Amino acid sequence: MRANRMPSPLELSRPRQRRARKPPRSPVTFRLTEADEDALHMLAQRAKLGSSAFARRIVEHYIRQHAPQRVKKGT
């Protein structure tokens, strides 16, 4: 359907096809040793971030460095 024409009554009466919903992004979880967890919290505090936000930035940085051609910001 082009934007500049009025749809026919038949087109208006048809139920719209719904787009398939994208599956929600699931969080990535993993365990750390107690020493690594303590270090993560210390480094996050130094960066003035929460530990999850800091871990996410570490992972994002690693991905950009090691797979730059595959990474699209915001995806």
N, C-alpha and C. Protein backbone atom coordinates (compact mmCIF):
# COMPACT_ATOMS: atom_id res chain seq x y z
N MET A 1 0.84 -1.18 0.00
CA MET A 1 0.00 0.00 0.00
C MET A 1 0.89 1.24 0.00
N ARG A 2 0.69 2.10 -0.96
CA ARG A 2 1.46 3.35 -1.01
C ARG A 2 0.83 4.36 -0.07
N ALA A 3 1.66 5.26 0.43
CA ALA A 3 1.19 6.24 1.41
C ALA A 3 0.26 7.28 0.82
N ASN A 4 0.33 7.54 -0.48
CA ASN A 4 -0.44 8.64 -1.04
C ASN A 4 -1.78 8.23 -1.63
N ARG A 5 -2.20 7.00 -1.46
CA ARG A 5 -3.52 6.62 -1.98
C ARG A 5 -4.37 6.07 -0.85
N MET A 6 -5.67 6.21 -1.03
CA MET A 6 -6.61 5.70 -0.03
C MET A 6 -6.76 4.20 -0.23
N PRO A 7 -6.63 3.40 0.85
CA PRO A 7 -6.82 1.97 0.70
C PRO A 7 -8.29 1.66 0.38
N SER A 8 -8.50 0.60 -0.37
CA SER A 8 -9.87 0.20 -0.71
C SER A 8 -10.57 -0.33 0.53
N PRO A 9 -11.92 -0.36 0.52
CA PRO A 9 -12.64 -0.92 1.65
C PRO A 9 -12.23 -2.37 1.94
N LEU A 10 -11.94 -3.12 0.88
CA LEU A 10 -11.51 -4.50 1.06
C LEU A 10 -10.18 -4.56 1.81
N GLU A 11 -9.25 -3.67 1.45
CA GLU A 11 -7.95 -3.63 2.13
C GLU A 11 -8.11 -3.23 3.59
N LEU A 12 -9.04 -2.31 3.83
CA LEU A 12 -9.27 -1.87 5.21
C LEU A 12 -9.92 -2.95 6.06
N SER A 13 -10.72 -3.82 5.43
CA SER A 13 -11.42 -4.84 6.20
C SER A 13 -10.55 -6.05 6.50
N ARG A 14 -9.45 -6.22 5.77
CA ARG A 14 -8.57 -7.37 6.01
C ARG A 14 -7.84 -7.19 7.34
N PRO A 15 -7.77 -8.24 8.09
CA PRO A 15 -6.96 -8.13 9.32
C PRO A 15 -5.50 -7.95 8.94
N ARG A 16 -4.84 -7.08 9.65
CA ARG A 16 -3.42 -6.84 9.39
C ARG A 16 -2.61 -8.05 9.82
N GLN A 17 -1.61 -8.33 9.02
CA GLN A 17 -0.71 -9.41 9.42
C GLN A 17 0.19 -8.87 10.53
N ARG A 18 0.26 -9.62 11.57
CA ARG A 18 1.10 -9.19 12.68
C ARG A 18 2.52 -9.67 12.45
N ARG A 19 3.43 -8.81 12.80
CA ARG A 19 4.84 -9.18 12.69
C ARG A 19 5.16 -10.17 13.80
N ALA A 20 6.02 -11.08 13.47
CA ALA A 20 6.46 -12.02 14.49
C ALA A 20 7.23 -11.24 15.55
N ARG A 21 6.91 -11.49 16.77
CA ARG A 21 7.61 -10.80 17.85
C ARG A 21 9.03 -11.30 17.96
N LYS A 22 9.92 -10.36 18.20
CA LYS A 22 11.29 -10.75 18.45
C LYS A 22 11.35 -11.34 19.86
N PRO A 23 12.09 -12.40 20.01
CA PRO A 23 12.18 -12.94 21.37
C PRO A 23 12.91 -11.93 22.26
N PRO A 24 12.46 -11.82 23.50
CA PRO A 24 13.13 -10.87 24.39
C PRO A 24 14.58 -11.31 24.61
N ARG A 25 15.42 -10.34 24.75
CA ARG A 25 16.83 -10.64 25.01
C ARG A 25 16.94 -11.18 26.42
N SER A 26 17.63 -12.26 26.54
CA SER A 26 17.79 -12.83 27.86
C SER A 26 19.13 -12.42 28.45
N PRO A 27 19.18 -12.26 29.75
CA PRO A 27 20.44 -11.89 30.37
C PRO A 27 21.45 -13.03 30.27
N VAL A 28 22.70 -12.66 30.18
CA VAL A 28 23.78 -13.65 30.19
C VAL A 28 24.27 -13.74 31.62
N THR A 29 24.29 -14.94 32.13
CA THR A 29 24.74 -15.12 33.52
C THR A 29 25.89 -16.11 33.56
N PHE A 30 26.75 -15.92 34.53
CA PHE A 30 27.86 -16.84 34.74
C PHE A 30 28.36 -16.67 36.16
N ARG A 31 29.06 -17.66 36.63
CA ARG A 31 29.60 -17.63 37.99
C ARG A 31 31.03 -17.14 37.97
N LEU A 32 31.40 -16.42 39.01
CA LEU A 32 32.77 -15.99 39.22
C LEU A 32 33.29 -16.61 40.49
N THR A 33 34.60 -16.78 40.55
CA THR A 33 35.18 -17.21 41.82
C THR A 33 34.98 -16.07 42.81
N GLU A 34 35.11 -16.35 44.05
CA GLU A 34 34.94 -15.32 45.07
C GLU A 34 35.96 -14.19 44.87
N ALA A 35 37.19 -14.56 44.55
CA ALA A 35 38.24 -13.54 44.33
C ALA A 35 37.90 -12.67 43.12
N ASP A 36 37.43 -13.29 42.03
CA ASP A 36 37.07 -12.51 40.84
C ASP A 36 35.86 -11.63 41.11
N GLU A 37 34.91 -12.13 41.87
CA GLU A 37 33.74 -11.32 42.21
C GLU A 37 34.15 -10.11 43.03
N ASP A 38 35.01 -10.33 44.01
CA ASP A 38 35.50 -9.21 44.83
C ASP A 38 36.22 -8.19 43.96
N ALA A 39 37.05 -8.67 43.04
CA ALA A 39 37.78 -7.76 42.15
C ALA A 39 36.82 -6.99 41.26
N LEU A 40 35.81 -7.67 40.74
CA LEU A 40 34.81 -7.01 39.90
C LEU A 40 34.12 -5.89 40.66
N HIS A 41 33.70 -6.16 41.88
CA HIS A 41 33.02 -5.14 42.69
C HIS A 41 33.96 -3.96 42.97
N MET A 42 35.22 -4.26 43.27
CA MET A 42 36.18 -3.19 43.55
C MET A 42 36.40 -2.32 42.31
N LEU A 43 36.58 -2.96 41.16
CA LEU A 43 36.81 -2.21 39.93
C LEU A 43 35.56 -1.42 39.52
N ALA A 44 34.40 -2.01 39.70
CA ALA A 44 33.16 -1.32 39.38
C ALA A 44 32.99 -0.09 40.26
N GLN A 45 33.29 -0.24 41.53
CA GLN A 45 33.18 0.88 42.46
C GLN A 45 34.15 1.99 42.05
N ARG A 46 35.34 1.61 41.65
CA ARG A 46 36.34 2.60 41.20
C ARG A 46 35.85 3.33 39.95
N ALA A 47 35.14 2.60 39.09
CA ALA A 47 34.59 3.20 37.87
C ALA A 47 33.27 3.92 38.11
N LYS A 48 32.79 3.88 39.36
CA LYS A 48 31.51 4.49 39.74
C LYS A 48 30.35 3.92 38.94
N LEU A 49 30.36 2.58 38.81
CA LEU A 49 29.30 1.85 38.14
C LEU A 49 28.88 0.68 39.02
N GLY A 50 27.68 0.16 38.76
CA GLY A 50 27.28 -1.07 39.41
C GLY A 50 28.06 -2.22 38.80
N SER A 51 28.13 -3.33 39.50
CA SER A 51 28.93 -4.45 39.01
C SER A 51 28.40 -5.03 37.71
N SER A 52 27.07 -5.09 37.54
CA SER A 52 26.50 -5.61 36.29
C SER A 52 26.80 -4.69 35.12
N ALA A 53 26.65 -3.39 35.32
CA ALA A 53 26.94 -2.43 34.26
C ALA A 53 28.41 -2.48 33.88
N PHE A 54 29.27 -2.61 34.88
CA PHE A 54 30.70 -2.67 34.62
C PHE A 54 31.05 -3.95 33.85
N ALA A 55 30.49 -5.07 34.26
CA ALA A 55 30.73 -6.34 33.56
C ALA A 55 30.25 -6.25 32.12
N ARG A 56 29.09 -5.63 31.90
CA ARG A 56 28.57 -5.47 30.55
C ARG A 56 29.53 -4.65 29.70
N ARG A 57 30.08 -3.58 30.26
CA ARG A 57 31.04 -2.77 29.51
C ARG A 57 32.31 -3.54 29.18
N ILE A 58 32.76 -4.37 30.09
CA ILE A 58 33.94 -5.20 29.82
C ILE A 58 33.66 -6.11 28.64
N VAL A 59 32.51 -6.77 28.66
CA VAL A 59 32.16 -7.71 27.58
C VAL A 59 31.99 -6.96 26.26
N GLU A 60 31.29 -5.82 26.29
CA GLU A 60 31.11 -5.04 25.06
C GLU A 60 32.46 -4.61 24.47
N HIS A 61 33.37 -4.18 25.32
CA HIS A 61 34.70 -3.77 24.86
C HIS A 61 35.43 -4.96 24.23
N TYR A 62 35.38 -6.10 24.87
CA TYR A 62 36.04 -7.30 24.36
C TYR A 62 35.47 -7.67 22.98
N ILE A 63 34.16 -7.62 22.86
CA ILE A 63 33.52 -7.96 21.59
C ILE A 63 33.95 -6.99 20.49
N ARG A 64 33.96 -5.68 20.80
CA ARG A 64 34.39 -4.70 19.79
C ARG A 64 35.83 -4.93 19.36
N GLN A 65 36.68 -5.33 20.29
CA GLN A 65 38.09 -5.55 19.97
C GLN A 65 38.32 -6.82 19.17
N HIS A 66 37.51 -7.84 19.40
CA HIS A 66 37.77 -9.15 18.81
C HIS A 66 36.83 -9.53 17.68
N ALA A 67 35.74 -8.82 17.52
CA ALA A 67 34.80 -9.12 16.43
C ALA A 67 34.22 -7.82 15.87
N PRO A 68 35.06 -6.85 15.52
CA PRO A 68 34.53 -5.55 15.11
C PRO A 68 33.65 -5.58 13.88
N GLN A 69 33.88 -6.47 12.94
CA GLN A 69 33.09 -6.50 11.73
C GLN A 69 31.70 -7.08 11.98
N ARG A 70 31.49 -7.77 13.07
CA ARG A 70 30.19 -8.40 13.35
C ARG A 70 29.32 -7.58 14.29
N VAL A 71 29.88 -6.65 14.98
CA VAL A 71 29.15 -5.94 16.03
C VAL A 71 28.45 -4.71 15.46
N LYS A 72 27.17 -4.61 15.75
CA LYS A 72 26.40 -3.42 15.40
C LYS A 72 25.92 -2.82 16.69
N LYS A 73 26.17 -1.55 16.88
CA LYS A 73 25.79 -0.90 18.13
C LYS A 73 24.27 -0.97 18.30
N GLY A 74 23.86 -1.33 19.51
CA GLY A 74 22.44 -1.39 19.83
C GLY A 74 21.75 -2.67 19.43
N THR A 75 22.47 -3.66 18.96
CA THR A 75 21.83 -4.92 18.60
C THR A 75 22.29 -6.02 19.52
